[in-house]
């Protein structure tokens, strides 16, 4: 019996090292790295007003700390992972708008998951109509 257990352990050690290991995709999202500016901008087929409200909802949903909101110029200042970011909503034309998320200190060495998760919320919920509360 003891010999069988030793044989099984030996076989596991020998053949277990050849099994493929799947890389963890979440490490890419949370590891600080140099982020390209084009990753920080995205254009949507949404009016600027709706995109601004979606950006506020995205910051809340991602549990970022909203420091300041300026609705007239369309920017949101928020803090994530100890760094401040500026989300600016710009009007492209009547049906398109663009959002830029940039670090306040212009140091693009941060975790790309902050920007990607911000955009992911807007991607998933952008088609939802905004209705006024009564």
N, C-alpha and C. Protein backbone atom coordinates (compact mmCIF):
# COMPACT_ATOMS: atom_id res chain seq x y z
N UNK A 1 0.83 -1.19 0.00
CA UNK A 1 0.00 0.00 0.00
C UNK A 1 0.87 1.25 0.00
N UNK A 2 1.87 1.26 0.85
CA UNK A 2 2.76 2.42 0.93
C UNK A 2 3.52 2.61 -0.38
N UNK A 3 3.87 1.51 -1.00
CA UNK A 3 4.60 1.57 -2.27
C UNK A 3 3.70 2.15 -3.37
N UNK A 4 2.43 1.84 -3.35
CA UNK A 4 1.48 2.35 -4.33
C UNK A 4 1.32 3.86 -4.18
N UNK A 5 1.25 4.33 -2.95
CA UNK A 5 1.10 5.77 -2.69
C UNK A 5 2.35 6.51 -3.17
N UNK A 6 3.51 5.98 -2.90
CA UNK A 6 4.75 6.62 -3.35
C UNK A 6 4.80 6.67 -4.87
N UNK A 7 4.35 5.60 -5.52
CA UNK A 7 4.34 5.56 -6.98
C UNK A 7 3.38 6.60 -7.55
N UNK A 8 2.21 6.74 -6.94
CA UNK A 8 1.24 7.74 -7.40
C UNK A 8 1.77 9.16 -7.22
N UNK A 9 2.41 9.42 -6.10
CA UNK A 9 2.98 10.74 -5.86
C UNK A 9 4.08 11.04 -6.87
N UNK A 10 4.92 10.06 -7.14
CA UNK A 10 5.99 10.23 -8.11
C UNK A 10 5.42 10.49 -9.51
N UNK A 11 4.38 9.75 -9.89
CA UNK A 11 3.76 9.96 -11.19
C UNK A 11 3.12 11.35 -11.29
N UNK A 12 2.51 11.77 -10.21
CA UNK A 12 1.91 13.10 -10.20
C UNK A 12 2.97 14.18 -10.34
N UNK A 13 4.09 14.02 -9.64
CA UNK A 13 5.14 15.02 -9.74
C UNK A 13 5.77 15.06 -11.13
N UNK A 14 5.92 13.91 -11.75
CA UNK A 14 6.54 13.86 -13.07
C UNK A 14 5.59 14.38 -14.13
N UNK A 15 4.36 13.88 -14.16
CA UNK A 15 3.43 14.26 -15.21
C UNK A 15 2.67 15.54 -14.90
N UNK A 16 2.61 15.92 -13.66
CA UNK A 16 1.92 17.15 -13.29
C UNK A 16 2.65 18.40 -13.75
N UNK A 17 3.96 18.31 -13.96
CA UNK A 17 4.72 19.46 -14.42
C UNK A 17 4.50 19.75 -15.89
N UNK A 18 3.95 18.81 -16.65
CA UNK A 18 3.74 19.01 -18.07
C UNK A 18 2.33 19.50 -18.40
N UNK A 19 1.49 19.67 -17.40
CA UNK A 19 0.14 20.15 -17.65
C UNK A 19 0.20 21.63 -18.01
N UNK A 20 -0.62 22.08 -18.98
CA UNK A 20 -0.60 23.50 -19.35
C UNK A 20 -1.21 24.34 -18.24
N UNK A 21 -0.65 25.51 -18.07
CA UNK A 21 -1.12 26.44 -17.05
C UNK A 21 -1.72 27.63 -17.77
N UNK A 22 -2.95 27.95 -17.43
CA UNK A 22 -3.63 29.09 -18.05
C UNK A 22 -3.18 30.37 -17.35
N UNK A 23 -2.83 31.37 -18.14
CA UNK A 23 -2.41 32.65 -17.57
C UNK A 23 -3.62 33.37 -16.99
N UNK A 24 -3.40 34.07 -15.92
CA UNK A 24 -4.46 34.81 -15.26
C UNK A 24 -4.61 36.17 -15.93
N UNK A 25 -5.79 36.43 -16.53
CA UNK A 25 -6.03 37.69 -17.22
C UNK A 25 -6.19 38.85 -16.25
N UNK A 26 -6.59 38.59 -15.03
CA UNK A 26 -6.79 39.67 -14.07
C UNK A 26 -5.48 40.33 -13.68
N UNK A 27 -4.35 39.64 -13.83
CA UNK A 27 -3.07 40.25 -13.51
C UNK A 27 -2.79 41.43 -14.42
N UNK A 28 -3.24 41.35 -15.69
CA UNK A 28 -3.06 42.46 -16.62
C UNK A 28 -3.83 43.69 -16.16
N UNK A 29 -5.02 43.49 -15.59
CA UNK A 29 -5.87 44.60 -15.21
C UNK A 29 -5.38 45.33 -13.97
N UNK A 30 -4.74 44.64 -13.04
CA UNK A 30 -4.38 45.26 -11.77
C UNK A 30 -2.90 45.59 -11.65
N UNK A 31 -2.07 45.12 -12.57
CA UNK A 31 -0.65 45.40 -12.51
C UNK A 31 -0.37 46.76 -13.13
N UNK A 32 0.24 47.69 -12.39
CA UNK A 32 0.57 48.99 -12.98
C UNK A 32 1.54 48.84 -14.14
N UNK A 33 1.27 49.55 -15.22
CA UNK A 33 2.10 49.51 -16.41
C UNK A 33 1.87 50.78 -17.21
N UNK A 34 2.70 51.01 -18.20
CA UNK A 34 2.52 52.17 -19.06
C UNK A 34 1.30 51.94 -19.95
N UNK A 35 0.36 52.86 -19.89
CA UNK A 35 -0.89 52.75 -20.62
C UNK A 35 -0.87 53.75 -21.77
N UNK A 36 -1.22 53.29 -22.96
CA UNK A 36 -1.27 54.18 -24.12
C UNK A 36 -2.48 55.10 -24.02
N UNK A 37 -2.35 56.31 -24.59
CA UNK A 37 -3.43 57.28 -24.53
C UNK A 37 -4.67 56.79 -25.27
N UNK A 38 -4.48 56.05 -26.38
CA UNK A 38 -5.64 55.58 -27.14
C UNK A 38 -6.50 54.61 -26.34
N UNK A 39 -5.94 53.97 -25.31
CA UNK A 39 -6.73 53.11 -24.44
C UNK A 39 -7.63 53.94 -23.52
N UNK A 40 -7.27 55.20 -23.32
CA UNK A 40 -7.99 56.07 -22.39
C UNK A 40 -9.11 56.87 -23.04
N UNK A 41 -9.34 56.70 -24.34
CA UNK A 41 -10.42 57.43 -25.01
C UNK A 41 -11.34 56.44 -25.70
N UNK A 42 -12.59 56.82 -25.77
CA UNK A 42 -13.57 55.97 -26.47
C UNK A 42 -14.71 56.85 -26.96
N UNK A 43 -15.22 56.54 -28.16
CA UNK A 43 -16.33 57.27 -28.75
C UNK A 43 -17.57 56.39 -28.72
N UNK A 44 -18.70 57.00 -28.37
CA UNK A 44 -19.96 56.28 -28.25
C UNK A 44 -21.02 56.94 -29.12
N UNK A 45 -22.00 56.15 -29.51
CA UNK A 45 -23.15 56.68 -30.25
C UNK A 45 -24.23 57.00 -29.21
N UNK A 46 -23.91 57.96 -28.40
CA UNK A 46 -24.79 58.41 -27.31
C UNK A 46 -24.67 59.94 -27.26
N UNK A 47 -25.71 60.59 -26.83
CA UNK A 47 -25.62 62.04 -26.64
C UNK A 47 -24.65 62.35 -25.50
N UNK A 48 -24.03 63.52 -25.50
CA UNK A 48 -23.09 63.85 -24.43
C UNK A 48 -23.71 63.87 -23.04
N UNK A 49 -24.96 64.29 -22.96
CA UNK A 49 -25.63 64.33 -21.66
C UNK A 49 -25.78 62.92 -21.08
N UNK A 50 -26.22 62.00 -21.93
CA UNK A 50 -26.38 60.62 -21.46
C UNK A 50 -25.04 60.01 -21.09
N UNK A 51 -24.01 60.27 -21.89
CA UNK A 51 -22.69 59.73 -21.58
C UNK A 51 -22.15 60.30 -20.28
N UNK A 52 -22.44 61.57 -20.00
CA UNK A 52 -22.01 62.17 -18.74
C UNK A 52 -22.67 61.46 -17.55
N UNK A 53 -23.95 61.20 -17.64
CA UNK A 53 -24.65 60.49 -16.57
C UNK A 53 -24.17 59.05 -16.44
N UNK A 54 -23.89 58.43 -17.58
CA UNK A 54 -23.35 57.06 -17.54
C UNK A 54 -21.96 57.04 -16.91
N UNK A 55 -21.17 58.08 -17.12
CA UNK A 55 -19.84 58.15 -16.52
C UNK A 55 -19.93 58.30 -15.00
N UNK A 56 -20.88 59.08 -14.54
CA UNK A 56 -21.09 59.21 -13.09
C UNK A 56 -21.52 57.87 -12.51
N UNK A 57 -22.43 57.19 -13.18
CA UNK A 57 -22.89 55.88 -12.71
C UNK A 57 -21.76 54.86 -12.74
N UNK A 58 -20.90 54.95 -13.74
CA UNK A 58 -19.77 54.02 -13.82
C UNK A 58 -18.78 54.23 -12.68
N UNK A 59 -18.52 55.48 -12.35
CA UNK A 59 -17.62 55.77 -11.23
C UNK A 59 -18.20 55.24 -9.93
N UNK A 60 -19.51 55.40 -9.76
CA UNK A 60 -20.17 54.90 -8.55
C UNK A 60 -20.14 53.38 -8.51
N UNK A 61 -20.45 52.75 -9.64
CA UNK A 61 -20.53 51.30 -9.69
C UNK A 61 -19.16 50.64 -9.48
N UNK A 62 -18.11 51.29 -9.95
CA UNK A 62 -16.76 50.76 -9.77
C UNK A 62 -16.17 51.12 -8.40
N UNK A 63 -16.96 51.78 -7.58
CA UNK A 63 -16.57 52.18 -6.23
C UNK A 63 -15.37 53.12 -6.21
N UNK A 64 -15.32 54.03 -7.20
CA UNK A 64 -14.32 55.08 -7.20
C UNK A 64 -14.85 56.24 -6.38
N UNK A 65 -13.97 56.99 -5.78
CA UNK A 65 -14.38 58.15 -4.99
C UNK A 65 -14.51 59.35 -5.91
N UNK A 66 -15.71 59.89 -6.04
CA UNK A 66 -15.94 61.06 -6.88
C UNK A 66 -15.59 62.29 -6.06
N UNK A 67 -14.58 63.04 -6.53
CA UNK A 67 -14.12 64.22 -5.82
C UNK A 67 -14.84 65.49 -6.27
N UNK A 68 -15.12 65.58 -7.56
CA UNK A 68 -15.74 66.79 -8.09
C UNK A 68 -16.49 66.46 -9.37
N UNK A 69 -17.63 67.11 -9.57
CA UNK A 69 -18.42 66.96 -10.79
C UNK A 69 -18.71 68.35 -11.33
N UNK A 70 -18.44 68.57 -12.60
CA UNK A 70 -18.74 69.84 -13.26
C UNK A 70 -19.59 69.52 -14.48
N UNK A 71 -20.90 69.72 -14.37
CA UNK A 71 -21.80 69.33 -15.45
C UNK A 71 -21.75 70.28 -16.63
N UNK A 72 -21.44 71.55 -16.42
CA UNK A 72 -21.41 72.51 -17.53
C UNK A 72 -20.29 72.19 -18.51
N UNK A 73 -19.11 71.89 -18.00
CA UNK A 73 -17.99 71.55 -18.89
C UNK A 73 -17.88 70.05 -19.12
N UNK A 74 -18.59 69.24 -18.37
CA UNK A 74 -18.65 67.81 -18.60
C UNK A 74 -17.45 67.04 -18.10
N UNK A 75 -17.00 67.32 -16.89
CA UNK A 75 -15.90 66.52 -16.37
C UNK A 75 -16.21 65.98 -14.99
N UNK A 76 -15.55 64.87 -14.68
CA UNK A 76 -15.68 64.21 -13.38
C UNK A 76 -14.27 63.95 -12.88
N UNK A 77 -13.98 64.41 -11.69
CA UNK A 77 -12.70 64.16 -11.06
C UNK A 77 -12.92 63.06 -10.02
N UNK A 78 -12.21 61.95 -10.16
CA UNK A 78 -12.40 60.84 -9.24
C UNK A 78 -11.06 60.25 -8.83
N UNK A 79 -11.08 59.53 -7.72
CA UNK A 79 -9.88 58.88 -7.19
C UNK A 79 -10.09 57.38 -7.24
N UNK A 80 -9.07 56.68 -7.76
CA UNK A 80 -9.08 55.22 -7.81
C UNK A 80 -7.67 54.74 -7.54
N UNK A 81 -7.54 53.79 -6.64
CA UNK A 81 -6.25 53.20 -6.28
C UNK A 81 -5.23 54.26 -5.87
N UNK A 82 -5.69 55.27 -5.16
CA UNK A 82 -4.80 56.29 -4.63
C UNK A 82 -4.36 57.36 -5.62
N UNK A 83 -4.87 57.34 -6.85
CA UNK A 83 -4.51 58.35 -7.85
C UNK A 83 -5.77 59.03 -8.34
N UNK A 84 -5.64 60.30 -8.71
CA UNK A 84 -6.77 61.05 -9.24
C UNK A 84 -6.81 60.96 -10.76
N UNK A 85 -8.02 60.85 -11.30
CA UNK A 85 -8.25 60.77 -12.73
C UNK A 85 -9.31 61.78 -13.12
N UNK A 86 -9.24 62.24 -14.36
CA UNK A 86 -10.20 63.18 -14.89
C UNK A 86 -10.93 62.53 -16.06
N UNK A 87 -12.24 62.40 -15.94
CA UNK A 87 -13.07 61.87 -17.01
C UNK A 87 -13.76 63.05 -17.68
N UNK A 88 -13.44 63.29 -18.94
CA UNK A 88 -14.01 64.40 -19.69
C UNK A 88 -14.93 63.87 -20.78
N UNK A 89 -16.13 64.42 -20.84
CA UNK A 89 -17.10 64.04 -21.87
C UNK A 89 -17.15 65.17 -22.88
N UNK A 90 -16.94 64.83 -24.16
CA UNK A 90 -16.91 65.82 -25.23
C UNK A 90 -17.94 65.49 -26.29
N UNK A 91 -18.55 66.51 -26.88
CA UNK A 91 -19.53 66.32 -27.94
C UNK A 91 -18.78 66.24 -29.28
N UNK A 92 -19.02 65.17 -30.04
CA UNK A 92 -18.42 65.03 -31.37
C UNK A 92 -19.38 65.59 -32.41
N UNK A 93 -20.61 65.14 -32.41
CA UNK A 93 -21.67 65.70 -33.24
C UNK A 93 -22.99 65.46 -32.51
N UNK A 94 -24.12 65.56 -33.22
CA UNK A 94 -25.42 65.46 -32.55
C UNK A 94 -25.68 64.09 -31.94
N UNK A 95 -25.12 63.03 -32.51
CA UNK A 95 -25.40 61.68 -32.00
C UNK A 95 -24.19 60.98 -31.39
N UNK A 96 -23.00 61.54 -31.54
CA UNK A 96 -21.79 60.91 -31.03
C UNK A 96 -21.15 61.78 -29.95
N UNK A 97 -20.55 61.11 -29.00
CA UNK A 97 -19.79 61.81 -27.97
C UNK A 97 -18.59 60.95 -27.59
N UNK A 98 -17.60 61.59 -26.98
CA UNK A 98 -16.36 60.91 -26.64
C UNK A 98 -16.06 61.14 -25.16
N UNK A 99 -15.45 60.14 -24.55
CA UNK A 99 -15.02 60.27 -23.16
C UNK A 99 -13.53 59.98 -23.09
N UNK A 100 -12.82 60.83 -22.34
CA UNK A 100 -11.39 60.65 -22.10
C UNK A 100 -11.20 60.49 -20.60
N UNK A 101 -10.41 59.51 -20.22
CA UNK A 101 -10.06 59.32 -18.81
C UNK A 101 -8.55 59.42 -18.73
N UNK A 102 -8.08 60.46 -18.08
CA UNK A 102 -6.64 60.70 -18.00
C UNK A 102 -6.23 60.91 -16.54
N UNK A 103 -5.03 60.48 -16.18
CA UNK A 103 -4.55 60.75 -14.82
C UNK A 103 -4.25 62.24 -14.67
N UNK A 104 -4.54 62.78 -13.51
CA UNK A 104 -4.37 64.22 -13.27
C UNK A 104 -2.89 64.61 -13.34
N UNK A 105 -2.01 63.75 -12.89
CA UNK A 105 -0.58 64.09 -12.87
C UNK A 105 0.13 63.76 -14.19
N UNK A 106 -0.60 63.37 -15.22
CA UNK A 106 -0.07 63.02 -16.54
C UNK A 106 0.94 61.88 -16.50
N UNK A 107 0.92 61.06 -15.47
CA UNK A 107 1.77 59.88 -15.38
C UNK A 107 0.91 58.69 -15.80
N UNK A 108 1.15 58.16 -16.98
CA UNK A 108 0.33 57.08 -17.52
C UNK A 108 0.82 55.71 -17.08
N UNK A 109 1.46 55.62 -15.94
CA UNK A 109 1.88 54.36 -15.36
C UNK A 109 0.87 54.00 -14.27
N UNK A 110 -0.16 53.25 -14.66
CA UNK A 110 -1.20 52.85 -13.71
C UNK A 110 -1.82 51.54 -14.20
N UNK A 111 -2.69 50.98 -13.40
CA UNK A 111 -3.36 49.73 -13.76
C UNK A 111 -4.41 50.01 -14.83
N UNK A 112 -4.34 49.37 -15.99
CA UNK A 112 -5.31 49.65 -17.06
C UNK A 112 -6.73 49.20 -16.72
N UNK A 113 -6.89 48.38 -15.71
CA UNK A 113 -8.22 47.94 -15.32
C UNK A 113 -9.11 49.07 -14.86
N UNK A 114 -8.52 50.15 -14.36
CA UNK A 114 -9.32 51.30 -13.93
C UNK A 114 -10.09 51.87 -15.11
N UNK A 115 -9.40 52.09 -16.21
CA UNK A 115 -10.03 52.66 -17.41
C UNK A 115 -10.94 51.62 -18.08
N UNK A 116 -10.45 50.39 -18.20
CA UNK A 116 -11.23 49.36 -18.90
C UNK A 116 -12.52 49.03 -18.17
N UNK A 117 -12.48 48.97 -16.84
CA UNK A 117 -13.71 48.71 -16.08
C UNK A 117 -14.67 49.90 -16.16
N UNK A 118 -14.12 51.12 -16.20
CA UNK A 118 -14.95 52.31 -16.36
C UNK A 118 -15.72 52.24 -17.68
N UNK A 119 -15.02 51.90 -18.76
CA UNK A 119 -15.65 51.80 -20.07
C UNK A 119 -16.59 50.59 -20.16
N UNK A 120 -16.23 49.51 -19.50
CA UNK A 120 -17.05 48.30 -19.57
C UNK A 120 -18.46 48.55 -19.04
N UNK A 121 -18.58 49.33 -17.97
CA UNK A 121 -19.91 49.64 -17.44
C UNK A 121 -20.73 50.42 -18.46
N UNK A 122 -20.10 51.38 -19.13
CA UNK A 122 -20.82 52.17 -20.14
C UNK A 122 -21.18 51.29 -21.33
N UNK A 123 -20.28 50.40 -21.72
CA UNK A 123 -20.56 49.48 -22.83
C UNK A 123 -21.77 48.60 -22.53
N UNK A 124 -21.85 48.10 -21.32
CA UNK A 124 -22.93 47.18 -20.95
C UNK A 124 -24.26 47.89 -20.74
N UNK A 125 -24.23 49.13 -20.25
CA UNK A 125 -25.47 49.81 -19.88
C UNK A 125 -25.78 51.03 -20.74
N UNK A 126 -25.03 51.27 -21.79
CA UNK A 126 -25.23 52.46 -22.62
C UNK A 126 -26.54 52.48 -23.38
N UNK A 127 -27.09 51.32 -23.67
CA UNK A 127 -28.34 51.27 -24.43
C UNK A 127 -29.55 51.48 -23.53
N UNK A 128 -29.35 51.52 -22.23
CA UNK A 128 -30.45 51.70 -21.30
C UNK A 128 -30.95 53.15 -21.37
N UNK A 129 -32.25 53.35 -21.58
CA UNK A 129 -32.74 54.73 -21.65
C UNK A 129 -32.71 55.40 -20.27
N UNK A 130 -32.42 56.68 -20.27
CA UNK A 130 -32.44 57.47 -19.03
C UNK A 130 -33.81 58.12 -18.94
N UNK A 131 -34.51 57.88 -17.85
CA UNK A 131 -35.84 58.45 -17.64
C UNK A 131 -35.80 59.33 -16.40
N UNK A 132 -36.48 60.46 -16.44
CA UNK A 132 -36.50 61.34 -15.27
C UNK A 132 -37.34 60.73 -14.14
N UNK A 133 -36.92 60.99 -12.93
CA UNK A 133 -37.68 60.52 -11.76
C UNK A 133 -38.81 61.48 -11.47
N UNK A 134 -39.96 60.98 -11.10
CA UNK A 134 -41.11 61.81 -10.76
C UNK A 134 -41.11 62.17 -9.30
